[in-house]
Amino acid sequence: MTKSVTFTLSCCAEPGMLSRCLAPFAKRDLVPDIVQSRREGDMLHVVLAMHAMPAEEVHLVEGNLRQVIGVVSVRRADGLRVAA
């Protein structure tokens, strides 16, 4: 079973942050369908979304994202909700 999911992160804008945010996906052989980032001052806002993530991986990826050093907040939404 798969789920459509979007993770929205607020992070410290520092070198290596994007690769650290992608690592939980990569270590599970997952590739996000959507990756967006926007810097606002000293914060980086990142959106990572998948159309069909294995349902059993969703909470694991979310937990790993919350543990990334420099990530201030993580919001998860079922379905793809990405502003253009």
PDB file of N, CA and C in Angstrom:
ATOM      1  N   MET A   1       0.842  -1.191   0.000  1.00  0.00           N
ATOM      2  CA  MET A   1       0.000   0.000   0.000  1.00  0.00           C
ATOM      3  C   MET A   1       0.879   1.243   0.000  1.00  0.00           C
ATOM      4  N   THR A   2       0.476   2.248  -0.734  1.00  0.00           N
ATOM      5  CA  THR A   2       1.239   3.491  -0.800  1.00  0.00           C
ATOM      6  C   THR A   2       0.374   4.670  -0.383  1.00  0.00           C
ATOM      7  N   LYS A   3       1.059   5.752  -0.018  1.00  0.00           N
ATOM      8  CA  LYS A   3       0.392   6.991   0.377  1.00  0.00           C
ATOM      9  C   LYS A   3       1.014   8.151  -0.359  1.00  0.00           C
ATOM     10  N   SER A   4       0.201   9.137  -0.672  1.00  0.00           N
ATOM     11  CA  SER A   4       0.683  10.406  -1.184  1.00  0.00           C
ATOM     12  C   SER A   4       0.940  11.284   0.038  1.00  0.00           C
ATOM     13  N   VAL A   5       2.143  11.831   0.149  1.00  0.00           N
ATOM     14  CA  VAL A   5       2.502  12.569   1.359  1.00  0.00           C
ATOM     15  C   VAL A   5       3.388  13.757   1.019  1.00  0.00           C
ATOM     16  N   THR A   6       3.224  14.833   1.796  1.00  0.00           N
ATOM     17  CA  THR A   6       4.048  16.030   1.666  1.00  0.00           C
ATOM     18  C   THR A   6       4.621  16.383   3.032  1.00  0.00           C
ATOM     19  N   PHE A   7       5.926  16.582   3.085  1.00  0.00           N
ATOM     20  CA  PHE A   7       6.602  17.048   4.293  1.00  0.00           C
ATOM     21  C   PHE A   7       7.033  18.489   4.059  1.00  0.00           C
ATOM     22  N   THR A   8       6.710  19.372   4.989  1.00  0.00           N
ATOM     23  CA  THR A   8       7.122  20.772   4.924  1.00  0.00           C
ATOM     24  C   THR A   8       8.029  21.036   6.121  1.00  0.00           C
ATOM     25  N   LEU A   9       9.252  21.452   5.837  1.00  0.00           N
ATOM     26  CA  LEU A   9      10.249  21.645   6.877  1.00  0.00           C
ATOM     27  C   LEU A   9      10.694  23.092   6.960  1.00  0.00           C
ATOM     28  N   SER A  10      10.968  23.536   8.169  1.00  0.00           N
ATOM     29  CA  SER A  10      11.653  24.807   8.408  1.00  0.00           C
ATOM     30  C   SER A  10      12.993  24.437   9.028  1.00  0.00           C
ATOM     31  N   CYS A  11      14.068  24.956   8.434  1.00  0.00           N
ATOM     32  CA  CYS A  11      15.418  24.571   8.840  1.00  0.00           C
ATOM     33  C   CYS A  11      16.312  25.794   8.923  1.00  0.00           C
ATOM     34  N   CYS A  12      17.425  25.617   9.607  1.00  0.00           N
ATOM     35  CA  CYS A  12      18.470  26.634   9.579  1.00  0.00           C
ATOM     36  C   CYS A  12      19.099  26.612   8.191  1.00  0.00           C
ATOM     37  N   ALA A  13      19.301  27.776   7.604  1.00  0.00           N
ATOM     38  CA  ALA A  13      19.924  27.857   6.280  1.00  0.00           C
ATOM     39  C   ALA A  13      21.427  27.727   6.461  1.00  0.00           C
ATOM     40  N   GLU A  14      21.913  26.521   6.219  1.00  0.00           N
ATOM     41  CA  GLU A  14      23.348  26.270   6.373  1.00  0.00           C
ATOM     42  C   GLU A  14      23.789  25.250   5.336  1.00  0.00           C
ATOM     43  N   PRO A  15      25.073  25.237   5.000  1.00  0.00           N
ATOM     44  CA  PRO A  15      25.573  24.298   3.995  1.00  0.00           C
ATOM     45  C   PRO A  15      25.253  22.855   4.383  1.00  0.00           C
ATOM     46  N   GLY A  16      24.853  22.067   3.409  1.00  0.00           N
ATOM     47  CA  GLY A  16      24.568  20.663   3.645  1.00  0.00           C
ATOM     48  C   GLY A  16      23.157  20.349   4.106  1.00  0.00           C
ATOM     49  N   MET A  17      22.363  21.388   4.378  1.00  0.00           N
ATOM     50  CA  MET A  17      21.023  21.145   4.920  1.00  0.00           C
ATOM     51  C   MET A  17      20.143  20.354   3.949  1.00  0.00           C
ATOM     52  N   LEU A  18      20.150  20.722   2.671  1.00  0.00           N
ATOM     53  CA  LEU A  18      19.292  20.012   1.721  1.00  0.00           C
ATOM     54  C   LEU A  18      19.671  18.540   1.620  1.00  0.00           C
ATOM     55  N   SER A  19      20.956  18.243   1.575  1.00  0.00           N
ATOM     56  CA  SER A  19      21.362  16.837   1.486  1.00  0.00           C
ATOM     57  C   SER A  19      20.997  16.077   2.754  1.00  0.00           C
ATOM     58  N   ARG A  20      21.065  16.729   3.911  1.00  0.00           N
ATOM     59  CA  ARG A  20      20.659  16.067   5.158  1.00  0.00           C
ATOM     60  C   ARG A  20      19.163  15.793   5.160  1.00  0.00           C
ATOM     61  N   CYS A  21      18.379  16.680   4.556  1.00  0.00           N
ATOM     62  CA  CYS A  21      16.920  16.477   4.491  1.00  0.00           C
ATOM     63  C   CYS A  21      16.554  15.353   3.515  1.00  0.00           C
ATOM     64  N   LEU A  22      17.362  15.152   2.496  1.00  0.00           N
ATOM     65  CA  LEU A  22      17.101  14.088   1.523  1.00  0.00           C
ATOM     66  C   LEU A  22      17.597  12.723   1.988  1.00  0.00           C
ATOM     67  N   ALA A  23      18.498  12.687   2.941  1.00  0.00           N
ATOM     68  CA  ALA A  23      19.100  11.435   3.394  1.00  0.00           C
ATOM     69  C   ALA A  23      18.082  10.386   3.867  1.00  0.00           C
ATOM     70  N   PRO A  24      17.028  10.758   4.632  1.00  0.00           N
ATOM     71  CA  PRO A  24      16.066   9.737   5.051  1.00  0.00           C
ATOM     72  C   PRO A  24      15.373   9.042   3.874  1.00  0.00           C
ATOM     73  N   PHE A  25      15.220   9.749   2.775  1.00  0.00           N
ATOM     74  CA  PHE A  25      14.645   9.148   1.566  1.00  0.00           C
ATOM     75  C   PHE A  25      15.679   8.225   0.916  1.00  0.00           C
ATOM     76  N   ALA A  26      16.886   8.740   0.742  1.00  0.00           N
ATOM     77  CA  ALA A  26      17.937   8.004   0.031  1.00  0.00           C
ATOM     78  C   ALA A  26      18.268   6.686   0.723  1.00  0.00           C
ATOM     79  N   LYS A  27      18.319   6.683   2.042  1.00  0.00           N
ATOM     80  CA  LYS A  27      18.697   5.447   2.725  1.00  0.00           C
ATOM     81  C   LYS A  27      17.620   4.363   2.628  1.00  0.00           C
ATOM     82  N   ARG A  28      16.430   4.746   2.160  1.00  0.00           N
ATOM     83  CA  ARG A  28      15.346   3.783   1.933  1.00  0.00           C
ATOM     84  C   ARG A  28      15.093   3.558   0.432  1.00  0.00           C
ATOM     85  N   ASP A  29      16.025   4.034  -0.395  1.00  0.00           N
ATOM     86  CA  ASP A  29      15.899   3.924  -1.857  1.00  0.00           C
ATOM     87  C   ASP A  29      14.638   4.599  -2.377  1.00  0.00           C
ATOM     88  N   LEU A  30      14.281   5.736  -1.788  1.00  0.00           N
ATOM     89  CA  LEU A  30      13.131   6.525  -2.215  1.00  0.00           C
ATOM     90  C   LEU A  30      13.626   7.815  -2.856  1.00  0.00           C
ATOM     91  N   VAL A  31      12.919   8.259  -3.880  1.00  0.00           N
ATOM     92  CA  VAL A  31      13.241   9.525  -4.538  1.00  0.00           C
ATOM     93  C   VAL A  31      11.996  10.401  -4.503  1.00  0.00           C
ATOM     94  N   PRO A  32      12.037  11.548  -3.828  1.00  0.00           N
ATOM     95  CA  PRO A  32      10.864  12.423  -3.795  1.00  0.00           C
ATOM     96  C   PRO A  32      10.467  12.873  -5.201  1.00  0.00           C
ATOM     97  N   ASP A  33       9.164  13.001  -5.422  1.00  0.00           N
ATOM     98  CA  ASP A  33       8.655  13.513  -6.697  1.00  0.00           C
ATOM     99  C   ASP A  33       8.808  15.025  -6.775  1.00  0.00           C
ATOM    100  N   ILE A  34       8.733  15.670  -5.624  1.00  0.00           N
ATOM    101  CA  ILE A  34       8.836  17.132  -5.571  1.00  0.00           C
ATOM    102  C   ILE A  34       9.831  17.514  -4.482  1.00  0.00           C
ATOM    103  N   VAL A  35      10.768  18.382  -4.841  1.00  0.00           N
ATOM    104  CA  VAL A  35      11.706  18.966  -3.884  1.00  0.00           C
ATOM    105  C   VAL A  35      11.732  20.463  -4.166  1.00  0.00           C
ATOM    106  N   GLN A  36      11.319  21.249  -3.185  1.00  0.00           N
ATOM    107  CA  GLN A  36      11.346  22.705  -3.324  1.00  0.00           C
ATOM    108  C   GLN A  36      12.022  23.292  -2.094  1.00  0.00           C
ATOM    109  N   SER A  37      12.803  24.327  -2.303  1.00  0.00           N
ATOM    110  CA  SER A  37      13.389  25.028  -1.160  1.00  0.00           C
ATOM    111  C   SER A  37      13.393  26.525  -1.432  1.00  0.00           C
ATOM    112  N   ARG A  38      13.307  27.261  -0.353  1.00  0.00           N
ATOM    113  CA  ARG A  38      13.295  28.728  -0.437  1.00  0.00           C
ATOM    114  C   ARG A  38      13.990  29.260   0.816  1.00  0.00           C
ATOM    115  N   ARG A  39      14.949  30.132   0.607  1.00  0.00           N
ATOM    116  CA  ARG A  39      15.652  30.728   1.733  1.00  0.00           C
ATOM    117  C   ARG A  39      15.002  32.054   2.085  1.00  0.00           C
ATOM    118  N   GLU A  40      14.786  32.262   3.356  1.00  0.00           N
ATOM    119  CA  GLU A  40      14.286  33.536   3.886  1.00  0.00           C
ATOM    120  C   GLU A  40      15.170  33.900   5.069  1.00  0.00           C
ATOM    121  N   GLY A  41      16.130  34.761   4.814  1.00  0.00           N
ATOM    122  CA  GLY A  41      17.057  35.157   5.873  1.00  0.00           C
ATOM    123  C   GLY A  41      17.894  33.969   6.319  1.00  0.00           C
ATOM    124  N   ASP A  42      17.836  33.671   7.612  1.00  0.00           N
ATOM    125  CA  ASP A  42      18.626  32.555   8.132  1.00  0.00           C
ATOM    126  C   ASP A  42      17.831  31.254   8.208  1.00  0.00           C
ATOM    127  N   MET A  43      16.646  31.245   7.584  1.00  0.00           N
ATOM    128  CA  MET A  43      15.815  30.029   7.562  1.00  0.00           C
ATOM    129  C   MET A  43      15.681  29.502   6.138  1.00  0.00           C
ATOM    130  N   LEU A  44      15.564  28.194   6.027  1.00  0.00           N
ATOM    131  CA  LEU A  44      15.349  27.513   4.758  1.00  0.00           C
ATOM    132  C   LEU A  44      14.033  26.752   4.871  1.00  0.00           C
ATOM    133  N   HIS A  45      13.131  26.972   3.935  1.00  0.00           N
ATOM    134  CA  HIS A  45      11.836  26.286   3.923  1.00  0.00           C
ATOM    135  C   HIS A  45      11.889  25.245   2.816  1.00  0.00           C
ATOM    136  N   VAL A  46      11.644  23.990   3.171  1.00  0.00           N
ATOM    137  CA  VAL A  46      11.800  22.872   2.251  1.00  0.00           C
ATOM    138  C   VAL A  46      10.503  22.084   2.174  1.00  0.00           C
ATOM    139  N   VAL A  47      10.112  21.724   0.949  1.00  0.00           N
ATOM    140  CA  VAL A  47       8.966  20.854   0.715  1.00  0.00           C
ATOM    141  C   VAL A  47       9.473  19.604   0.007  1.00  0.00           C
ATOM    142  N   LEU A  48       9.140  18.440   0.573  1.00  0.00           N
ATOM    143  CA  LEU A  48       9.501  17.149  -0.003  1.00  0.00           C
ATOM    144  C   LEU A  48       8.215  16.344  -0.132  1.00  0.00           C
ATOM    145  N   ALA A  49       7.900  15.877  -1.334  1.00  0.00           N
ATOM    146  CA  ALA A  49       6.631  15.182  -1.532  1.00  0.00           C
ATOM    147  C   ALA A  49       6.808  13.962  -2.418  1.00  0.00           C
ATOM    148  N   MET A  50       5.981  12.958  -2.148  1.00  0.00           N
ATOM    149  CA  MET A  50       5.948  11.749  -2.974  1.00  0.00           C
ATOM    150  C   MET A  50       4.504  11.403  -3.293  1.00  0.00           C
ATOM    151  N   HIS A  51       4.277  11.005  -4.540  1.00  0.00           N
ATOM    152  CA  HIS A  51       2.942  10.585  -4.964  1.00  0.00           C
ATOM    153  C   HIS A  51       2.586   9.223  -4.388  1.00  0.00           C
ATOM    154  N   ALA A  52       3.571   8.352  -4.254  1.00  0.00           N
ATOM    155  CA  ALA A  52       3.299   6.981  -3.815  1.00  0.00           C
ATOM    156  C   ALA A  52       4.431   6.468  -2.937  1.00  0.00           C
ATOM    157  N   MET A  53       4.434   6.907  -1.683  1.00  0.00           N
ATOM    158  CA  MET A  53       5.431   6.420  -0.726  1.00  0.00           C
ATOM    159  C   MET A  53       4.869   5.163  -0.064  1.00  0.00           C
ATOM    160  N   PRO A  54       5.692   4.121   0.104  1.00  0.00           N
ATOM    161  CA  PRO A  54       5.206   2.954   0.833  1.00  0.00           C
ATOM    162  C   PRO A  54       4.687   3.387   2.207  1.00  0.00           C
ATOM    163  N   ALA A  55       3.469   2.999   2.514  1.00  0.00           N
ATOM    164  CA  ALA A  55       2.807   3.473   3.738  1.00  0.00           C
ATOM    165  C   ALA A  55       3.620   3.182   4.995  1.00  0.00           C
ATOM    166  N   GLU A  56       4.315   2.046   5.017  1.00  0.00           N
ATOM    167  CA  GLU A  56       5.083   1.683   6.209  1.00  0.00           C
ATOM    168  C   GLU A  56       6.331   2.547   6.383  1.00  0.00           C
ATOM    169  N   GLU A  57       6.710   3.294   5.361  1.00  0.00           N
ATOM    170  CA  GLU A  57       7.904   4.149   5.434  1.00  0.00           C
ATOM    171  C   GLU A  57       7.586   5.576   5.886  1.00  0.00           C
ATOM    172  N   VAL A  58       6.326   5.986   5.795  1.00  0.00           N
ATOM    173  CA  VAL A  58       5.954   7.386   6.046  1.00  0.00           C
ATOM    174  C   VAL A  58       6.380   7.836   7.439  1.00  0.00           C
ATOM    175  N   HIS A  59       5.989   7.083   8.467  1.00  0.00           N
ATOM    176  CA  HIS A  59       6.320   7.522   9.828  1.00  0.00           C
ATOM    177  C   HIS A  59       7.822   7.411  10.099  1.00  0.00           C
ATOM    178  N   LEU A  60       8.515   6.484   9.443  1.00  0.00           N
ATOM    179  CA  LEU A  60       9.963   6.364   9.624  1.00  0.00           C
ATOM    180  C   LEU A  60      10.694   7.569   9.028  1.00  0.00           C
ATOM    181  N   VAL A  61      10.309   7.951   7.821  1.00  0.00           N
ATOM    182  CA  VAL A  61      10.920   9.121   7.181  1.00  0.00           C
ATOM    183  C   VAL A  61      10.617  10.373   8.004  1.00  0.00           C
ATOM    184  N   GLU A  62       9.370  10.512   8.443  1.00  0.00           N
ATOM    185  CA  GLU A  62       9.004  11.682   9.258  1.00  0.00           C
ATOM    186  C   GLU A  62       9.851  11.743  10.528  1.00  0.00           C
ATOM    187  N   GLY A  63      10.013  10.628  11.202  1.00  0.00           N
ATOM    188  CA  GLY A  63      10.829  10.598  12.412  1.00  0.00           C
ATOM    189  C   GLY A  63      12.274  10.961  12.145  1.00  0.00           C
ATOM    190  N   ASN A  64      12.825  10.441  11.040  1.00  0.00           N
ATOM    191  CA  ASN A  64      14.205  10.776  10.677  1.00  0.00           C
ATOM    192  C   ASN A  64      14.359  12.250  10.344  1.00  0.00           C
ATOM    193  N   LEU A  65      13.372  12.826   9.655  1.00  0.00           N
ATOM    194  CA  LEU A  65      13.435  14.257   9.334  1.00  0.00           C
ATOM    195  C   LEU A  65      13.448  15.096  10.607  1.00  0.00           C
ATOM    196  N   ARG A  66      12.682  14.695  11.607  1.00  0.00           N
ATOM    197  CA  ARG A  66      12.640  15.425  12.878  1.00  0.00           C
ATOM    198  C   ARG A  66      13.972  15.364  13.617  1.00  0.00           C
ATOM    199  N   GLN A  67      14.788  14.356  13.327  1.00  0.00           N
ATOM    200  CA  GLN A  67      16.081  14.188  14.005  1.00  0.00           C
ATOM    201  C   GLN A  67      17.239  14.873  13.289  1.00  0.00           C
ATOM    202  N   VAL A  68      16.992  15.395  12.093  1.00  0.00           N
ATOM    203  CA  VAL A  68      18.068  16.049  11.340  1.00  0.00           C
ATOM    204  C   VAL A  68      18.504  17.315  12.072  1.00  0.00           C
ATOM    205  N   ILE A  69      19.795  17.419  12.316  1.00  0.00           N
ATOM    206  CA  ILE A  69      20.331  18.604  12.991  1.00  0.00           C
ATOM    207  C   ILE A  69      20.096  19.829  12.116  1.00  0.00           C
ATOM    208  N   GLY A  70      19.489  20.855  12.690  1.00  0.00           N
ATOM    209  CA  GLY A  70      19.186  22.084  11.967  1.00  0.00           C
ATOM    210  C   GLY A  70      17.734  22.189  11.538  1.00  0.00           C
ATOM    211  N   VAL A  71      16.983  21.085  11.621  1.00  0.00           N
ATOM    212  CA  VAL A  71      15.555  21.131  11.291  1.00  0.00           C
ATOM    213  C   VAL A  71      14.810  21.650  12.512  1.00  0.00           C
ATOM    214  N   VAL A  72      14.059  22.720  12.313  1.00  0.00           N
ATOM    215  CA  VAL A  72      13.333  23.367  13.408  1.00  0.00           C
ATOM    216  C   VAL A  72      11.928  22.791  13.538  1.00  0.00           C
ATOM    217  N   SER A  73      11.269  22.543  12.395  1.00  0.00           N
ATOM    218  CA  SER A  73       9.914  21.973  12.449  1.00  0.00           C
ATOM    219  C   SER A  73       9.650  21.127  11.212  1.00  0.00           C
ATOM    220  N   VAL A  74       8.774  20.138  11.395  1.00  0.00           N
ATOM    221  CA  VAL A  74       8.343  19.253  10.313  1.00  0.00           C
ATOM    222  C   VAL A  74       6.830  19.155  10.378  1.00  0.00           C
ATOM    223  N   ARG A  75       6.184  19.429   9.248  1.00  0.00           N
ATOM    224  CA  ARG A  75       4.736  19.222   9.135  1.00  0.00           C
ATOM    225  C   ARG A  75       4.509  18.169   8.060  1.00  0.00           C
ATOM    226  N   ARG A  76       3.594  17.244   8.325  1.00  0.00           N
ATOM    227  CA  ARG A  76       3.259  16.229   7.335  1.00  0.00           C
ATOM    228  C   ARG A  76       1.809  16.386   6.931  1.00  0.00           C
ATOM    229  N   ALA A  77       1.557  16.281   5.638  1.00  0.00           N
ATOM    230  CA  ALA A  77       0.183  16.331   5.118  1.00  0.00           C
ATOM    231  C   ALA A  77       0.012  15.173   4.157  1.00  0.00           C
ATOM    232  N   ASP A  78      -1.077  14.439   4.317  1.00  0.00           N
ATOM    233  CA  ASP A  78      -1.376  13.390   3.358  1.00  0.00           C
ATOM    234  C   ASP A  78      -1.862  14.052   2.084  1.00  0.00           C
ATOM    235  N   GLY A  79      -1.353  13.596   0.976  1.00  0.00           N
ATOM    236  CA  GLY A  79      -1.665  14.210  -0.312  1.00  0.00           C
ATOM    237  C   GLY A  79      -0.585  15.215  -0.673  1.00  0.00           C
ATOM    238  N   LEU A  80      -0.531  15.558  -1.935  1.00  0.00           N
ATOM    239  CA  LEU A  80       0.450  16.538  -2.415  1.00  0.00           C
ATOM    240  C   LEU A  80      -0.141  17.926  -2.335  1.00  0.00           C
ATOM    241  N   ARG A  81       0.465  18.778  -1.542  1.00  0.00           N
ATOM    242  CA  ARG A  81      -0.020  20.149  -1.360  1.00  0.00           C
ATOM    243  C   ARG A  81       1.154  21.093  -1.530  1.00  0.00           C
ATOM    244  N   VAL A  82       1.479  21.387  -2.757  1.00  0.00           N
ATOM    245  CA  VAL A  82       2.651  22.218  -3.029  1.00  0.00           C
ATOM    246  C   VAL A  82       2.227  23.441  -3.813  1.00  0.00           C
ATOM    247  N   ALA A  83       2.554  24.601  -3.300  1.00  0.00           N
ATOM    248  CA  ALA A  83       2.240  25.855  -3.998  1.00  0.00           C
ATOM    249  C   ALA A  83       3.224  26.034  -5.144  1.00  0.00           C
ATOM    250  N   ALA A  84       2.744  26.606  -6.229  1.00  0.00           N
ATOM    251  CA  ALA A  84       3.613  26.830  -7.393  1.00  0.00           C
ATOM    252  C   ALA A  84       4.520  28.019  -7.154  1.00  0.00           C
TER     253      ALA A  84
END
